[in-house]
């Protein structure tokens, strides 16, 4: 299981300072693992930077649509980098770098005001993805063949998914729905246990005291390739709750939730939180904060169930143009 990282008070303060946010500035929120799948735009071209302080991920996205108010071609390109897999707390504490890179593309078609205007927008995408992750692994089984138990490696992953984004506007409430399913040729790195490796030294002049040096973060277990078929589902509810009494104010409070399957084991993740929505000004900073519940399912190890308390996460982003 992943280590639990909680944002500091200063991060939460910054998050709420930038409450003037945007509903149409791709995307509205991110998950704890930065894999949100809802993205809508009311502009022909839009680029955006997103930062997740709790997971150290930073990404850049470019989104385009042939015509915002008509049916037509849509697409996007996204690049994401992570200096460390275990999160900001581990990066600051140990300085360990285990960089990762991810490239996503999507090409699809938007049906505008579909089915008697009940579906304000209905987007279909084919979404290929490439991911390169760096791992530090402690695999004790390697010692049997005379290899080093601790080693570092890079692993590539490929995915091909079908993605659907739907905007429902039956009344004053807007509902944003995202569903993604496909094939992922990847590895089990996310499911290996996080451990700390330390070198123990005797304390000078003492027969009983010791001290630790060379603290390293690693994954424990056998790293292997797997073929998975994960299901992702996102939901955003925009009930029209304004955060300002001004009649012209457009900043509103939204609520989100998501569901994830492991794809090759019976492990499931859910999360929920709040985000800030603003249709009028897509040049503002946007933000979201959420909580991911402990991973559950029959394939979750008992020891991991005991120590997994869930995870608080935040995302801050900015629309460039």
Protein backbone atom coordinates (compact mmCIF):
# COMPACT_ATOMS: atom_id res chain seq x y z
CA UNK A 1 0.00 0.00 0.00
CA UNK A 2 1.09 3.55 -0.56
CA UNK A 3 2.32 5.65 2.34
CA UNK A 4 -0.22 8.14 3.66
CA UNK A 5 0.57 11.79 3.06
CA UNK A 6 -1.43 14.60 4.57
CA UNK A 7 -1.16 18.20 3.34
CA UNK A 8 0.18 20.80 5.76
CA UNK A 9 -1.93 23.70 7.04
CA UNK A 10 -0.07 26.04 4.70
CA UNK A 11 -1.06 23.94 1.68
CA UNK A 12 -4.72 23.97 2.74
CA UNK A 13 -4.53 27.74 3.29
CA UNK A 14 -3.18 28.27 -0.24
CA UNK A 15 -5.86 25.97 -1.62
CA UNK A 16 -8.70 28.03 -0.21
CA UNK A 17 -7.06 31.36 -0.95
CA UNK A 18 -7.40 30.52 -4.64
CA UNK A 19 -11.13 29.86 -4.54
CA UNK A 20 -11.84 31.77 -7.80
CA UNK A 21 -11.72 28.72 -9.98
CA UNK A 22 -13.06 27.44 -13.26
CA UNK A 23 -15.46 24.71 -14.31
CA UNK A 24 -14.33 24.67 -17.93
CA UNK A 25 -10.55 24.64 -17.40
CA UNK A 26 -9.70 20.95 -17.77
CA UNK A 27 -10.15 19.18 -15.41
CA UNK A 28 -12.28 19.91 -12.35
CA UNK A 29 -10.49 17.65 -9.89
CA UNK A 30 -7.86 14.93 -9.62
CA UNK A 31 -7.83 11.68 -7.68
CA UNK A 32 -5.25 10.65 -5.09
CA UNK A 33 -3.29 8.96 -7.91
CA UNK A 34 -3.81 11.82 -10.39
CA UNK A 35 -5.96 9.86 -12.82
CA UNK A 36 -9.13 11.93 -13.12
CA UNK A 37 -10.98 11.31 -16.41
CA UNK A 38 -13.52 14.17 -16.68
CA UNK A 39 -12.52 16.98 -19.03
CA UNK A 40 -14.87 19.48 -20.65
CA UNK A 41 -14.09 22.74 -22.40
CA UNK A 42 -16.16 25.63 -23.76
CA UNK A 43 -13.17 27.08 -25.63
CA UNK A 44 -11.64 26.00 -28.94
CA UNK A 45 -8.15 25.81 -27.42
CA UNK A 46 -7.08 25.57 -23.81
CA UNK A 47 -3.83 24.72 -22.02
CA UNK A 48 -3.46 24.04 -18.33
CA UNK A 49 -0.88 23.30 -15.64
CA UNK A 50 -1.85 21.13 -12.67
CA UNK A 51 0.10 20.40 -9.48
CA UNK A 52 -0.71 17.84 -6.80
CA UNK A 53 1.29 18.73 -3.64
CA UNK A 54 0.27 15.51 -1.86
CA UNK A 55 1.60 13.18 -4.58
CA UNK A 56 4.33 15.40 -6.13
CA UNK A 57 2.80 15.14 -9.62
CA UNK A 58 2.85 18.04 -12.09
CA UNK A 59 1.17 17.96 -15.49
CA UNK A 60 0.55 20.03 -18.59
CA UNK A 61 -2.50 19.54 -20.79
CA UNK A 62 -3.60 20.95 -24.14
CA UNK A 63 -7.29 20.60 -25.06
CA UNK A 64 -9.09 21.49 -28.26
CA UNK A 65 -12.57 21.30 -29.77
CA UNK A 66 -13.66 22.15 -33.30
CA UNK A 67 -16.67 24.18 -32.09
CA UNK A 68 -17.69 24.57 -28.42
CA UNK A 69 -21.40 25.00 -29.25
CA UNK A 70 -21.73 22.38 -32.02
CA UNK A 71 -21.09 18.69 -32.53
CA UNK A 72 -17.61 18.03 -33.81
CA UNK A 73 -14.06 16.74 -33.32
CA UNK A 74 -12.43 16.97 -29.86
CA UNK A 75 -9.06 15.92 -28.47
CA UNK A 76 -6.36 16.50 -25.90
CA UNK A 77 -2.71 15.86 -25.10
CA UNK A 78 -1.32 15.55 -21.57
CA UNK A 79 2.18 15.16 -20.13
CA UNK A 80 2.77 14.36 -16.46
CA UNK A 81 5.95 14.09 -14.37
CA UNK A 82 6.53 12.77 -10.85
CA UNK A 83 9.92 13.13 -9.12
CA UNK A 84 8.99 10.54 -6.50
CA UNK A 85 6.43 7.73 -6.31
CA UNK A 86 5.93 7.82 -2.51
CA UNK A 87 4.89 11.49 -2.32
CA UNK A 88 6.15 14.83 -1.08
CA UNK A 89 6.81 13.79 2.53
CA UNK A 90 9.24 11.06 1.49
CA UNK A 91 10.92 13.30 -1.10
CA UNK A 92 11.60 16.01 1.49
CA UNK A 93 12.70 13.54 4.18
CA UNK A 94 15.10 11.40 2.14
CA UNK A 95 15.73 13.30 -1.08
CA UNK A 96 15.20 10.07 -3.03
CA UNK A 97 14.28 10.57 -6.68
CA UNK A 98 12.29 7.87 -8.46
CA UNK A 99 11.08 9.86 -11.46
CA UNK A 100 8.10 8.92 -13.56
CA UNK A 101 6.72 10.22 -16.85
CA UNK A 102 3.30 9.75 -18.41
CA UNK A 103 1.95 10.80 -21.83
CA UNK A 104 -1.78 10.66 -22.62
CA UNK A 105 -3.58 11.42 -25.84
CA UNK A 106 -7.27 11.39 -26.71
CA UNK A 107 -9.19 11.87 -29.93
CA UNK A 108 -12.95 11.81 -30.12
CA UNK A 109 -16.24 13.39 -31.07
CA UNK A 110 -18.71 15.59 -29.19
CA UNK A 111 -22.47 15.35 -29.57
CA UNK A 112 -23.79 18.76 -28.53
CA UNK A 113 -27.31 19.07 -27.03
CA UNK A 114 -27.93 15.39 -27.73
CA UNK A 115 -31.25 13.60 -27.09
CA UNK A 116 -33.58 16.58 -26.97
CA UNK A 117 -31.02 18.75 -25.12
CA UNK A 118 -31.03 16.55 -21.99
CA UNK A 119 -27.39 15.67 -22.65
CA UNK A 120 -25.75 19.10 -22.96
CA UNK A 121 -22.56 17.40 -24.17
CA UNK A 122 -21.74 13.78 -24.93
CA UNK A 123 -18.02 13.15 -25.62
CA UNK A 124 -16.50 9.89 -26.86
CA UNK A 125 -12.72 9.31 -26.95
CA UNK A 126 -10.16 6.71 -27.92
CA UNK A 127 -7.38 7.27 -25.40
CA UNK A 128 -3.88 5.75 -25.76
CA UNK A 129 -1.35 6.23 -22.96
CA UNK A 130 2.35 5.63 -22.25
CA UNK A 131 3.94 5.62 -18.80
CA UNK A 132 7.55 5.23 -17.60
CA UNK A 133 8.14 4.68 -13.88
CA UNK A 134 11.33 4.37 -11.86
CA UNK A 135 11.36 1.83 -9.02
CA UNK A 136 13.68 0.89 -6.16
CA UNK A 137 12.93 -2.76 -5.36
CA UNK A 138 13.86 -5.06 -2.49
CA UNK A 139 13.30 -8.61 -3.75
CA UNK A 140 14.76 -11.19 -1.35
CA UNK A 141 14.08 -14.02 -3.82
CA UNK A 142 16.82 -12.64 -6.08
CA UNK A 143 19.43 -13.65 -3.50
CA UNK A 144 18.73 -17.33 -4.32
CA UNK A 145 20.21 -16.82 -7.79
CA UNK A 146 23.12 -14.74 -6.48
CA UNK A 147 21.70 -11.36 -7.55
CA UNK A 148 21.47 -8.27 -5.39
CA UNK A 149 18.23 -8.17 -3.43
CA UNK A 150 18.04 -4.37 -3.73
CA UNK A 151 18.01 -2.91 -7.23
CA UNK A 152 16.64 0.00 -9.28
CA UNK A 153 14.80 -0.32 -12.57
CA UNK A 154 12.60 1.53 -15.04
CA UNK A 155 9.38 0.02 -16.34
CA UNK A 156 7.18 1.09 -19.26
CA UNK A 157 3.42 0.74 -19.40
CA UNK A 158 1.01 1.05 -22.33
CA UNK A 159 -2.75 1.48 -22.28
CA UNK A 160 -5.57 1.78 -24.80
CA UNK A 161 -8.91 2.91 -23.40
CA UNK A 162 -12.37 3.97 -24.44
CA UNK A 163 -13.53 7.09 -22.58
CA UNK A 164 -16.95 8.72 -22.29
CA UNK A 165 -17.67 12.14 -20.75
CA UNK A 166 -21.26 13.28 -20.29
CA UNK A 167 -22.71 16.62 -19.14
CA UNK A 168 -26.32 16.45 -17.94
CA UNK A 169 -28.23 19.65 -17.30
CA UNK A 170 -31.82 18.61 -16.50
CA UNK A 171 -32.39 21.76 -14.43
CA UNK A 172 -30.31 24.12 -12.34
CA UNK A 173 -28.05 21.23 -11.31
CA UNK A 174 -25.25 20.09 -13.62
CA UNK A 175 -23.98 16.52 -13.52
CA UNK A 176 -20.60 15.62 -15.03
CA UNK A 177 -19.98 11.90 -15.57
CA UNK A 178 -16.86 10.12 -16.80
CA UNK A 179 -16.42 6.39 -17.52
CA UNK A 180 -13.25 4.75 -18.86
CA UNK A 181 -12.46 1.11 -19.64
CA UNK A 182 -9.75 -0.61 -21.62
CA UNK A 183 -6.53 -2.63 -21.57
CA UNK A 184 -3.37 -1.75 -19.67
CA UNK A 185 -0.06 -3.54 -20.24
CA UNK A 186 1.72 -2.58 -17.03
CA UNK A 187 3.29 -3.98 -13.84
CA UNK A 188 2.30 -4.56 -10.21
CA UNK A 189 4.48 -1.74 -8.80
CA UNK A 190 1.56 0.16 -7.27
CA UNK A 191 0.53 -2.91 -5.29
CA UNK A 192 3.93 -3.68 -3.71
CA UNK A 193 4.49 -2.60 -0.11
CA UNK A 194 6.40 0.62 0.61
CA UNK A 195 9.35 0.06 2.96
CA UNK A 196 12.36 1.93 4.35
CA UNK A 197 15.84 0.40 4.06
CA UNK A 198 18.36 1.62 6.63
CA UNK A 199 21.98 0.85 7.47
CA UNK A 200 22.51 0.19 11.19
CA UNK A 201 25.77 1.31 12.87
CA UNK A 202 26.94 0.80 16.47
CA UNK A 203 27.10 4.05 18.41
CA UNK A 204 30.73 4.93 19.25
CA UNK A 205 31.58 4.06 22.84
CA UNK A 206 28.35 2.11 23.44
CA UNK A 207 27.73 -1.62 23.29
CA UNK A 208 23.93 -1.31 23.12
CA UNK A 209 23.10 1.90 21.24
CA UNK A 210 22.90 2.13 17.45
CA UNK A 211 22.14 4.76 14.81
CA UNK A 212 20.81 4.64 11.26
CA UNK A 213 22.18 6.05 7.99
CA UNK A 214 21.50 5.74 4.25
CA UNK A 215 17.72 5.69 4.60
CA UNK A 216 16.15 4.59 1.32
CA UNK A 217 12.57 4.14 0.24
CA UNK A 218 11.75 1.06 -1.80
CA UNK A 219 9.06 -1.36 -2.90
CA UNK A 220 9.13 -4.82 -1.31
CA UNK A 221 8.30 -7.89 -3.37
CA UNK A 222 8.58 -9.32 -6.86
CA UNK A 223 8.05 -6.76 -9.63
CA UNK A 224 6.28 -8.46 -12.55
CA UNK A 225 4.45 -7.51 -15.72
CA UNK A 226 0.65 -7.77 -15.72
CA UNK A 227 -2.19 -7.17 -18.19
CA UNK A 228 -5.12 -5.42 -16.53
CA UNK A 229 -8.50 -4.02 -17.55
CA UNK A 230 -9.26 -1.31 -14.96
CA UNK A 231 -12.58 0.48 -14.76
CA UNK A 232 -12.68 4.17 -13.83
CA UNK A 233 -15.80 6.20 -13.02
CA UNK A 234 -15.99 9.88 -11.98
CA UNK A 235 -18.93 12.03 -10.94
CA UNK A 236 -19.18 15.77 -10.29
CA UNK A 237 -22.33 17.40 -8.91
CA UNK A 238 -22.76 21.15 -9.44
CA UNK A 239 -25.91 22.11 -7.46
CA UNK A 240 -25.43 25.83 -8.15
CA UNK A 241 -24.33 26.79 -4.62
CA UNK A 242 -22.69 30.22 -4.90
CA UNK A 243 -19.86 31.13 -2.53
CA UNK A 244 -20.64 34.86 -2.79
CA UNK A 245 -23.90 36.74 -2.27
CA UNK A 246 -23.13 38.97 -5.26
CA UNK A 247 -25.70 38.33 -8.00
CA UNK A 248 -23.00 38.41 -10.65
CA UNK A 249 -20.75 35.97 -8.78
CA UNK A 250 -20.10 32.72 -10.68
CA UNK A 251 -17.91 30.84 -8.20
CA UNK A 252 -19.82 27.78 -7.01
CA UNK A 253 -19.17 24.81 -4.77
CA UNK A 254 -19.09 21.40 -6.43
CA UNK A 255 -18.87 17.87 -5.06
CA UNK A 256 -17.03 14.95 -6.65
CA UNK A 257 -16.62 11.23 -6.18
CA UNK A 258 -14.76 8.47 -8.01
CA UNK A 259 -14.44 4.69 -8.20
CA UNK A 260 -11.48 2.62 -9.40
CA UNK A 261 -10.87 -1.10 -9.89
CA UNK A 262 -7.43 -2.67 -9.87
CA UNK A 263 -8.03 -4.41 -13.18
CA UNK A 264 -6.31 -7.71 -12.41
CA UNK A 265 -7.00 -8.25 -8.70
CA UNK A 266 -10.10 -7.71 -6.56
CA UNK A 267 -9.00 -4.37 -5.12
CA UNK A 268 -11.11 -1.23 -5.20
CA UNK A 269 -10.64 2.47 -4.43
CA UNK A 270 -13.17 5.24 -3.81
CA UNK A 271 -12.71 8.91 -3.07
CA UNK A 272 -14.79 12.03 -2.56
CA UNK A 273 -14.27 15.73 -2.06
CA UNK A 274 -15.10 19.27 -3.06
CA UNK A 275 -14.07 21.44 -6.00
CA UNK A 276 -14.74 25.03 -7.01
CA UNK A 277 -16.56 25.79 -10.25
CA UNK A 278 -16.67 28.95 -12.35
CA UNK A 279 -17.96 29.10 -15.92
CA UNK A 280 -17.16 32.75 -16.56
CA UNK A 281 -13.40 33.06 -16.27
CA UNK A 282 -11.21 30.15 -17.42
CA UNK A 283 -8.01 32.14 -16.74
CA UNK A 284 -8.22 31.71 -12.97
CA UNK A 285 -6.51 29.28 -10.64
CA UNK A 286 -8.66 26.27 -9.76
CA UNK A 287 -8.41 23.78 -6.93
CA UNK A 288 -9.93 20.72 -5.30
CA UNK A 289 -9.48 18.79 -2.07
CA UNK A 290 -10.52 15.21 -1.37
CA UNK A 291 -10.16 12.09 0.73
CA UNK A 292 -9.54 8.60 -0.64
CA UNK A 293 -10.94 5.79 1.49
CA UNK A 294 -8.75 2.80 2.39
CA UNK A 295 -8.32 0.33 -0.47
CA UNK A 296 -10.64 -2.64 0.01
CA UNK A 297 -11.45 -5.99 -1.57
CA UNK A 298 -10.71 -9.70 -0.94
CA UNK A 299 -7.21 -9.42 -2.48
CA UNK A 300 -6.03 -6.69 -0.06
CA UNK A 301 -3.58 -8.13 2.47
CA UNK A 302 -4.65 -8.16 6.12
CA UNK A 303 -1.57 -6.19 7.23
CA UNK A 304 -2.30 -3.53 4.62
CA UNK A 305 -5.90 -3.22 5.78
CA UNK A 306 -4.68 -2.51 9.31
CA UNK A 307 -2.28 0.28 8.37
CA UNK A 308 -4.23 1.88 5.50
CA UNK A 309 -6.12 4.86 6.93
CA UNK A 310 -6.91 6.48 3.61
CA UNK A 311 -5.36 9.62 2.15
CA UNK A 312 -6.10 13.33 1.98
CA UNK A 313 -5.07 14.96 -1.32
CA UNK A 314 -5.22 18.35 -3.02
CA UNK A 315 -4.81 19.67 -6.56
CA UNK A 316 -4.06 23.20 -7.74
CA UNK A 317 -4.09 24.22 -11.39
CA UNK A 318 -3.92 27.19 -13.71
CA UNK A 319 -5.29 27.75 -17.21
CA UNK A 320 -2.56 29.40 -19.33
CA UNK A 321 -4.60 30.24 -22.45
